[in-house]
Amino acid sequence: MCRLRRAKHVLTSSLAPVVEHHTREATTNVTNLCTNSQSVRERLHRKHGIYKKKERDREELKKSIDNSIGIERSRSL
């Protein structure tokens, strides 16, 4: 659970009986903030994962090319 969402519960629980309208607004704003921060974090995580995958793929391709060149050289000798 998002830290902002937890903070929202603490803030809104004490204000709920007094100012219900403002509490609803605060809840919506904090929920939106929390959702947005999670989506940004998820996007960065996915992006980082894609870069890692591309890097691994490049390394594997490089190894396979090196191996095939080595096999070709050994056949020609």
PDB file of N, CA and C in Angstrom:
ATOM      1  N   MET A   1       0.839  -1.190   0.000  1.00  0.00           N
ATOM      2  CA  MET A   1       0.000   0.000   0.000  1.00  0.00           C
ATOM      3  C   MET A   1       0.880   1.248   0.000  1.00  0.00           C
ATOM      4  N   CYS A   2       0.483   2.203  -0.746  1.00  0.00           N
ATOM      5  CA  CYS A   2       1.238   3.442  -0.908  1.00  0.00           C
ATOM      6  C   CYS A   2       1.341   4.201   0.415  1.00  0.00           C
ATOM      7  N   ARG A   3       2.472   4.825   0.649  1.00  0.00           N
ATOM      8  CA  ARG A   3       2.644   5.602   1.879  1.00  0.00           C
ATOM      9  C   ARG A   3       1.633   6.740   1.959  1.00  0.00           C
ATOM     10  N   LEU A   4       1.367   7.367   0.818  1.00  0.00           N
ATOM     11  CA  LEU A   4       0.386   8.459   0.814  1.00  0.00           C
ATOM     12  C   LEU A   4      -0.991   7.959   1.212  1.00  0.00           C
ATOM     13  N   ARG A   5      -1.338   6.774   0.734  1.00  0.00           N
ATOM     14  CA  ARG A   5      -2.658   6.231   1.051  1.00  0.00           C
ATOM     15  C   ARG A   5      -2.763   5.958   2.549  1.00  0.00           C
ATOM     16  N   ARG A   6      -1.687   5.443   3.150  1.00  0.00           N
ATOM     17  CA  ARG A   6      -1.700   5.199   4.592  1.00  0.00           C
ATOM     18  C   ARG A   6      -1.839   6.512   5.351  1.00  0.00           C
ATOM     19  N   ALA A   7      -1.118   7.536   4.903  1.00  0.00           N
ATOM     20  CA  ALA A   7      -1.199   8.847   5.544  1.00  0.00           C
ATOM     21  C   ALA A   7      -2.601   9.418   5.402  1.00  0.00           C
ATOM     22  N   LYS A   8      -3.236   9.165   4.266  1.00  0.00           N
ATOM     23  CA  LYS A   8      -4.598   9.648   4.037  1.00  0.00           C
ATOM     24  C   LYS A   8      -5.537   9.096   5.092  1.00  0.00           C
ATOM     25  N   HIS A   9      -5.420   7.805   5.411  1.00  0.00           N
ATOM     26  CA  HIS A   9      -6.307   7.197   6.399  1.00  0.00           C
ATOM     27  C   HIS A   9      -6.138   7.860   7.766  1.00  0.00           C
ATOM     28  N   VAL A  10      -4.911   8.168   8.117  1.00  0.00           N
ATOM     29  CA  VAL A  10      -4.651   8.815   9.403  1.00  0.00           C
ATOM     30  C   VAL A  10      -5.265  10.210   9.415  1.00  0.00           C
ATOM     31  N   LEU A  11      -5.063  10.960   8.317  1.00  0.00           N
ATOM     32  CA  LEU A  11      -5.585  12.327   8.255  1.00  0.00           C
ATOM     33  C   LEU A  11      -7.104  12.369   8.192  1.00  0.00           C
ATOM     34  N   THR A  12      -7.691  11.516   7.375  1.00  0.00           N
ATOM     35  CA  THR A  12      -9.132  11.618   7.142  1.00  0.00           C
ATOM     36  C   THR A  12      -9.957  11.010   8.266  1.00  0.00           C
ATOM     37  N   SER A  13      -9.412  10.048   8.980  1.00  0.00           N
ATOM     38  CA  SER A  13     -10.208   9.418  10.038  1.00  0.00           C
ATOM     39  C   SER A  13     -10.551  10.413  11.149  1.00  0.00           C
ATOM     40  N   SER A  14      -9.636  11.311  11.466  1.00  0.00           N
ATOM     41  CA  SER A  14      -9.921  12.284  12.525  1.00  0.00           C
ATOM     42  C   SER A  14     -10.811  13.423  12.026  1.00  0.00           C
ATOM     43  N   LEU A  15     -10.820  13.692  10.724  1.00  0.00           N
ATOM     44  CA  LEU A  15     -11.603  14.794  10.168  1.00  0.00           C
ATOM     45  C   LEU A  15     -12.988  14.364   9.693  1.00  0.00           C
ATOM     46  N   ALA A  16     -13.214  13.090   9.529  1.00  0.00           N
ATOM     47  CA  ALA A  16     -14.447  12.591   8.905  1.00  0.00           C
ATOM     48  C   ALA A  16     -15.730  13.125   9.532  1.00  0.00           C
ATOM     49  N   PRO A  17     -15.909  13.081  10.837  1.00  0.00           N
ATOM     50  CA  PRO A  17     -17.178  13.565  11.385  1.00  0.00           C
ATOM     51  C   PRO A  17     -17.366  15.073  11.207  1.00  0.00           C
ATOM     52  N   VAL A  18     -16.289  15.826  11.191  1.00  0.00           N
ATOM     53  CA  VAL A  18     -16.382  17.284  11.167  1.00  0.00           C
ATOM     54  C   VAL A  18     -16.585  17.821   9.746  1.00  0.00           C
ATOM     55  N   VAL A  19     -15.713  17.444   8.844  1.00  0.00           N
ATOM     56  CA  VAL A  19     -15.737  18.014   7.497  1.00  0.00           C
ATOM     57  C   VAL A  19     -15.732  16.882   6.475  1.00  0.00           C
ATOM     58  N   GLU A  20     -16.885  16.317   6.247  1.00  0.00           N
ATOM     59  CA  GLU A  20     -16.973  15.144   5.377  1.00  0.00           C
ATOM     60  C   GLU A  20     -16.641  15.482   3.927  1.00  0.00           C
ATOM     61  N   HIS A  21     -17.104  16.640   3.452  1.00  0.00           N
ATOM     62  CA  HIS A  21     -16.874  17.030   2.057  1.00  0.00           C
ATOM     63  C   HIS A  21     -15.379  17.171   1.772  1.00  0.00           C
ATOM     64  N   HIS A  22     -14.672  17.891   2.631  1.00  0.00           N
ATOM     65  CA  HIS A  22     -13.234  18.083   2.450  1.00  0.00           C
ATOM     66  C   HIS A  22     -12.490  16.760   2.579  1.00  0.00           C
ATOM     67  N   THR A  23     -12.990  15.892   3.415  1.00  0.00           N
ATOM     68  CA  THR A  23     -12.361  14.581   3.586  1.00  0.00           C
ATOM     69  C   THR A  23     -12.438  13.796   2.284  1.00  0.00           C
ATOM     70  N   ARG A  24     -13.605  13.833   1.629  1.00  0.00           N
ATOM     71  CA  ARG A  24     -13.755  13.125   0.355  1.00  0.00           C
ATOM     72  C   ARG A  24     -12.798  13.678  -0.688  1.00  0.00           C
ATOM     73  N   GLU A  25     -12.666  15.014  -0.733  1.00  0.00           N
ATOM     74  CA  GLU A  25     -11.735  15.634  -1.680  1.00  0.00           C
ATOM     75  C   GLU A  25     -10.304  15.197  -1.390  1.00  0.00           C
ATOM     76  N   ALA A  26      -9.934  15.220  -0.124  1.00  0.00           N
ATOM     77  CA  ALA A  26      -8.583  14.809   0.260  1.00  0.00           C
ATOM     78  C   ALA A  26      -8.348  13.353  -0.105  1.00  0.00           C
ATOM     79  N   THR A  27      -9.353  12.515   0.120  1.00  0.00           N
ATOM     80  CA  THR A  27      -9.225  11.098  -0.209  1.00  0.00           C
ATOM     81  C   THR A  27      -8.987  10.920  -1.696  1.00  0.00           C
ATOM     82  N   THR A  28      -9.763  11.624  -2.512  1.00  0.00           N
ATOM     83  CA  THR A  28      -9.622  11.515  -3.966  1.00  0.00           C
ATOM     84  C   THR A  28      -8.254  12.000  -4.409  1.00  0.00           C
ATOM     85  N   ASN A  29      -7.827  13.151  -3.905  1.00  0.00           N
ATOM     86  CA  ASN A  29      -6.533  13.708  -4.300  1.00  0.00           C
ATOM     87  C   ASN A  29      -5.390  12.778  -3.919  1.00  0.00           C
ATOM     88  N   VAL A  30      -5.421  12.274  -2.712  1.00  0.00           N
ATOM     89  CA  VAL A  30      -4.346  11.397  -2.251  1.00  0.00           C
ATOM     90  C   VAL A  30      -4.369  10.083  -3.019  1.00  0.00           C
ATOM     91  N   THR A  31      -5.554   9.551  -3.293  1.00  0.00           N
ATOM     92  CA  THR A  31      -5.643   8.307  -4.062  1.00  0.00           C
ATOM     93  C   THR A  31      -5.069   8.511  -5.453  1.00  0.00           C
ATOM     94  N   ASN A  32      -5.389   9.637  -6.089  1.00  0.00           N
ATOM     95  CA  ASN A  32      -4.836   9.925  -7.416  1.00  0.00           C
ATOM     96  C   ASN A  32      -3.324  10.058  -7.363  1.00  0.00           C
ATOM     97  N   LEU A  33      -2.829  10.760  -6.355  1.00  0.00           N
ATOM     98  CA  LEU A  33      -1.379  10.889  -6.199  1.00  0.00           C
ATOM     99  C   LEU A  33      -0.726   9.528  -6.043  1.00  0.00           C
ATOM    100  N   CYS A  34      -1.332   8.703  -5.214  1.00  0.00           N
ATOM    101  CA  CYS A  34      -0.787   7.382  -4.953  1.00  0.00           C
ATOM    102  C   CYS A  34      -0.787   6.550  -6.227  1.00  0.00           C
ATOM    103  N   THR A  35      -1.884   6.568  -6.953  1.00  0.00           N
ATOM    104  CA  THR A  35      -1.992   5.797  -8.189  1.00  0.00           C
ATOM    105  C   THR A  35      -0.961   6.266  -9.195  1.00  0.00           C
ATOM    106  N   ASN A  36      -0.819   7.593  -9.335  1.00  0.00           N
ATOM    107  CA  ASN A  36       0.149   8.125 -10.285  1.00  0.00           C
ATOM    108  C   ASN A  36       1.566   7.745  -9.900  1.00  0.00           C
ATOM    109  N   SER A  37       1.905   7.833  -8.618  1.00  0.00           N
ATOM    110  CA  SER A  37       3.266   7.502  -8.201  1.00  0.00           C
ATOM    111  C   SER A  37       3.550   6.025  -8.435  1.00  0.00           C
ATOM    112  N   GLN A  38       2.556   5.169  -8.238  1.00  0.00           N
ATOM    113  CA  GLN A  38       2.767   3.748  -8.491  1.00  0.00           C
ATOM    114  C   GLN A  38       2.963   3.489  -9.976  1.00  0.00           C
ATOM    115  N   SER A  39       2.171   4.151 -10.823  1.00  0.00           N
ATOM    116  CA  SER A  39       2.291   3.901 -12.254  1.00  0.00           C
ATOM    117  C   SER A  39       3.639   4.379 -12.778  1.00  0.00           C
ATOM    118  N   VAL A  40       4.147   5.489 -12.256  1.00  0.00           N
ATOM    119  CA  VAL A  40       5.469   5.971 -12.663  1.00  0.00           C
ATOM    120  C   VAL A  40       6.527   4.963 -12.249  1.00  0.00           C
ATOM    121  N   ARG A  41       6.425   4.470 -11.017  1.00  0.00           N
ATOM    122  CA  ARG A  41       7.390   3.484 -10.525  1.00  0.00           C
ATOM    123  C   ARG A  41       7.328   2.211 -11.368  1.00  0.00           C
ATOM    124  N   GLU A  42       6.113   1.768 -11.704  1.00  0.00           N
ATOM    125  CA  GLU A  42       5.968   0.569 -12.529  1.00  0.00           C
ATOM    126  C   GLU A  42       6.551   0.786 -13.917  1.00  0.00           C
ATOM    127  N   ARG A  43       6.314   1.972 -14.492  1.00  0.00           N
ATOM    128  CA  ARG A  43       6.865   2.264 -15.822  1.00  0.00           C
ATOM    129  C   ARG A  43       8.382   2.211 -15.793  1.00  0.00           C
ATOM    130  N   LEU A  44       8.974   2.830 -14.774  1.00  0.00           N
ATOM    131  CA  LEU A  44      10.430   2.819 -14.662  1.00  0.00           C
ATOM    132  C   LEU A  44      10.953   1.403 -14.491  1.00  0.00           C
ATOM    133  N   HIS A  45      10.239   0.605 -13.683  1.00  0.00           N
ATOM    134  CA  HIS A  45      10.657  -0.776 -13.468  1.00  0.00           C
ATOM    135  C   HIS A  45      10.602  -1.559 -14.782  1.00  0.00           C
ATOM    136  N   ARG A  46       9.507  -1.402 -15.525  1.00  0.00           N
ATOM    137  CA  ARG A  46       9.381  -2.104 -16.805  1.00  0.00           C
ATOM    138  C   ARG A  46      10.461  -1.656 -17.767  1.00  0.00           C
ATOM    139  N   LYS A  47      10.701  -0.344 -17.816  1.00  0.00           N
ATOM    140  CA  LYS A  47      11.703   0.206 -18.721  1.00  0.00           C
ATOM    141  C   LYS A  47      13.073  -0.360 -18.377  1.00  0.00           C
ATOM    142  N   HIS A  48      13.393  -0.380 -17.082  1.00  0.00           N
ATOM    143  CA  HIS A  48      14.675  -0.918 -16.635  1.00  0.00           C
ATOM    144  C   HIS A  48      14.767  -2.397 -17.004  1.00  0.00           C
ATOM    145  N   GLY A  49      13.681  -3.125 -16.824  1.00  0.00           N
ATOM    146  CA  GLY A  49      13.660  -4.545 -17.170  1.00  0.00           C
ATOM    147  C   GLY A  49      13.883  -4.766 -18.646  1.00  0.00           C
ATOM    148  N   ILE A  50      13.304  -3.900 -19.481  1.00  0.00           N
ATOM    149  CA  ILE A  50      13.488  -4.015 -20.932  1.00  0.00           C
ATOM    150  C   ILE A  50      14.943  -3.765 -21.290  1.00  0.00           C
ATOM    151  N   TYR A  51      15.556  -2.738 -20.677  1.00  0.00           N
ATOM    152  CA  TYR A  51      16.961  -2.468 -20.961  1.00  0.00           C
ATOM    153  C   TYR A  51      17.829  -3.654 -20.562  1.00  0.00           C
ATOM    154  N   LYS A  52      17.539  -4.227 -19.399  1.00  0.00           N
ATOM    155  CA  LYS A  52      18.311  -5.387 -18.949  1.00  0.00           C
ATOM    156  C   LYS A  52      18.152  -6.540 -19.934  1.00  0.00           C
ATOM    157  N   LYS A  53      16.925  -6.767 -20.404  1.00  0.00           N
ATOM    158  CA  LYS A  53      16.660  -7.859 -21.338  1.00  0.00           C
ATOM    159  C   LYS A  53      17.410  -7.622 -22.646  1.00  0.00           C
ATOM    160  N   LYS A  54      17.381  -6.397 -23.160  1.00  0.00           N
ATOM    161  CA  LYS A  54      18.091  -6.084 -24.400  1.00  0.00           C
ATOM    162  C   LYS A  54      19.588  -6.311 -24.224  1.00  0.00           C
ATOM    163  N   GLU A  55      20.102  -5.918 -23.063  1.00  0.00           N
ATOM    164  CA  GLU A  55      21.528  -6.095 -22.787  1.00  0.00           C
ATOM    165  C   GLU A  55      21.884  -7.582 -22.765  1.00  0.00           C
ATOM    166  N   ARG A  56      21.042  -8.396 -22.102  1.00  0.00           N
ATOM    167  CA  ARG A  56      21.272  -9.844 -22.067  1.00  0.00           C
ATOM    168  C   ARG A  56      21.210 -10.435 -23.470  1.00  0.00           C
ATOM    169  N   ASP A  57      20.215 -10.008 -24.249  1.00  0.00           N
ATOM    170  CA  ASP A  57      20.076 -10.511 -25.616  1.00  0.00           C
ATOM    171  C   ASP A  57      21.298 -10.162 -26.454  1.00  0.00           C
ATOM    172  N   ARG A  58      21.791  -8.934 -26.304  1.00  0.00           N
ATOM    173  CA  ARG A  58      22.989  -8.525 -27.045  1.00  0.00           C
ATOM    174  C   ARG A  58      24.187  -9.384 -26.662  1.00  0.00           C
ATOM    175  N   GLU A  59      24.346  -9.635 -25.357  1.00  0.00           N
ATOM    176  CA  GLU A  59      25.470 -10.458 -24.906  1.00  0.00           C
ATOM    177  C   GLU A  59      25.369 -11.876 -25.451  1.00  0.00           C
ATOM    178  N   GLU A  60      24.160 -12.438 -25.425  1.00  0.00           N
ATOM    179  CA  GLU A  60      23.973 -13.791 -25.950  1.00  0.00           C
ATOM    180  C   GLU A  60      24.239 -13.840 -27.447  1.00  0.00           C
ATOM    181  N   LEU A  61      23.784 -12.826 -28.176  1.00  0.00           N
ATOM    182  CA  LEU A  61      24.021 -12.766 -29.614  1.00  0.00           C
ATOM    183  C   LEU A  61      25.513 -12.663 -29.901  1.00  0.00           C
ATOM    184  N   LYS A  62      26.189 -11.829 -29.126  1.00  0.00           N
ATOM    185  CA  LYS A  62      27.633 -11.659 -29.303  1.00  0.00           C
ATOM    186  C   LYS A  62      28.364 -12.979 -29.049  1.00  0.00           C
ATOM    187  N   LYS A  63      27.965 -13.709 -27.994  1.00  0.00           N
ATOM    188  CA  LYS A  63      28.584 -15.000 -27.692  1.00  0.00           C
ATOM    189  C   LYS A  63      28.341 -15.994 -28.815  1.00  0.00           C
ATOM    190  N   SER A  64      27.109 -16.028 -29.327  1.00  0.00           N
ATOM    191  CA  SER A  64      26.807 -16.984 -30.396  1.00  0.00           C
ATOM    192  C   SER A  64      27.577 -16.644 -31.668  1.00  0.00           C
ATOM    193  N   ILE A  65      27.742 -15.337 -31.962  1.00  0.00           N
ATOM    194  CA  ILE A  65      28.537 -14.936 -33.133  1.00  0.00           C
ATOM    195  C   ILE A  65      29.988 -15.329 -32.927  1.00  0.00           C
ATOM    196  N   ASP A  66      30.523 -15.067 -31.727  1.00  0.00           N
ATOM    197  CA  ASP A  66      31.907 -15.448 -31.432  1.00  0.00           C
ATOM    198  C   ASP A  66      32.087 -16.954 -31.564  1.00  0.00           C
ATOM    199  N   ASN A  67      31.127 -17.729 -31.078  1.00  0.00           N
ATOM    200  CA  ASN A  67      31.207 -19.185 -31.185  1.00  0.00           C
ATOM    201  C   ASN A  67      31.167 -19.632 -32.637  1.00  0.00           C
ATOM    202  N   SER A  68      30.285 -19.037 -33.433  1.00  0.00           N
ATOM    203  CA  SER A  68      30.186 -19.439 -34.839  1.00  0.00           C
ATOM    204  C   SER A  68      31.447 -19.055 -35.601  1.00  0.00           C
ATOM    205  N   ILE A  69      32.050 -17.906 -35.274  1.00  0.00           N
ATOM    206  CA  ILE A  69      33.310 -17.513 -35.915  1.00  0.00           C
ATOM    207  C   ILE A  69      34.406 -18.491 -35.518  1.00  0.00           C
ATOM    208  N   GLY A  70      34.421 -18.886 -34.247  1.00  0.00           N
ATOM    209  CA  GLY A  70      35.415 -19.856 -33.779  1.00  0.00           C
ATOM    210  C   GLY A  70      35.259 -21.192 -34.480  1.00  0.00           C
ATOM    211  N   ILE A  71      34.035 -21.640 -34.702  1.00  0.00           N
ATOM    212  CA  ILE A  71      33.777 -22.906 -35.402  1.00  0.00           C
ATOM    213  C   ILE A  71      34.232 -22.794 -36.851  1.00  0.00           C
ATOM    214  N   GLU A  72      33.942 -21.663 -37.496  1.00  0.00           N
ATOM    215  CA  GLU A  72      34.359 -21.447 -38.887  1.00  0.00           C
ATOM    216  C   GLU A  72      35.885 -21.467 -38.990  1.00  0.00           C
ATOM    217  N   ARG A  73      36.564 -20.832 -38.058  1.00  0.00           N
ATOM    218  CA  ARG A  73      38.030 -20.790 -38.079  1.00  0.00           C
ATOM    219  C   ARG A  73      38.611 -22.184 -37.879  1.00  0.00           C
ATOM    220  N   SER A  74      38.030 -22.948 -36.962  1.00  0.00           N
ATOM    221  CA  SER A  74      38.560 -24.291 -36.708  1.00  0.00           C
ATOM    222  C   SER A  74      38.337 -25.202 -37.915  1.00  0.00           C
ATOM    223  N   ARG A  75      37.272 -25.016 -38.652  1.00  0.00           N
ATOM    224  CA  ARG A  75      37.020 -25.814 -39.860  1.00  0.00           C
ATOM    225  C   ARG A  75      38.003 -25.455 -40.966  1.00  0.00           C
ATOM    226  N   SER A  76      38.350 -24.168 -41.073  1.00  0.00           N
ATOM    227  CA  SER A  76      39.248 -23.741 -42.148  1.00  0.00           C
ATOM    228  C   SER A  76      40.694 -24.148 -41.878  1.00  0.00           C
ATOM    229  N   LEU A  77      41.024 -24.409 -40.627  1.00  0.00           N
ATOM    230  CA  LEU A  77      42.402 -24.812 -40.303  1.00  0.00           C
ATOM    231  C   LEU A  77      42.552 -26.250 -40.555  1.00  0.00           C
TER     232      LEU A  77
END
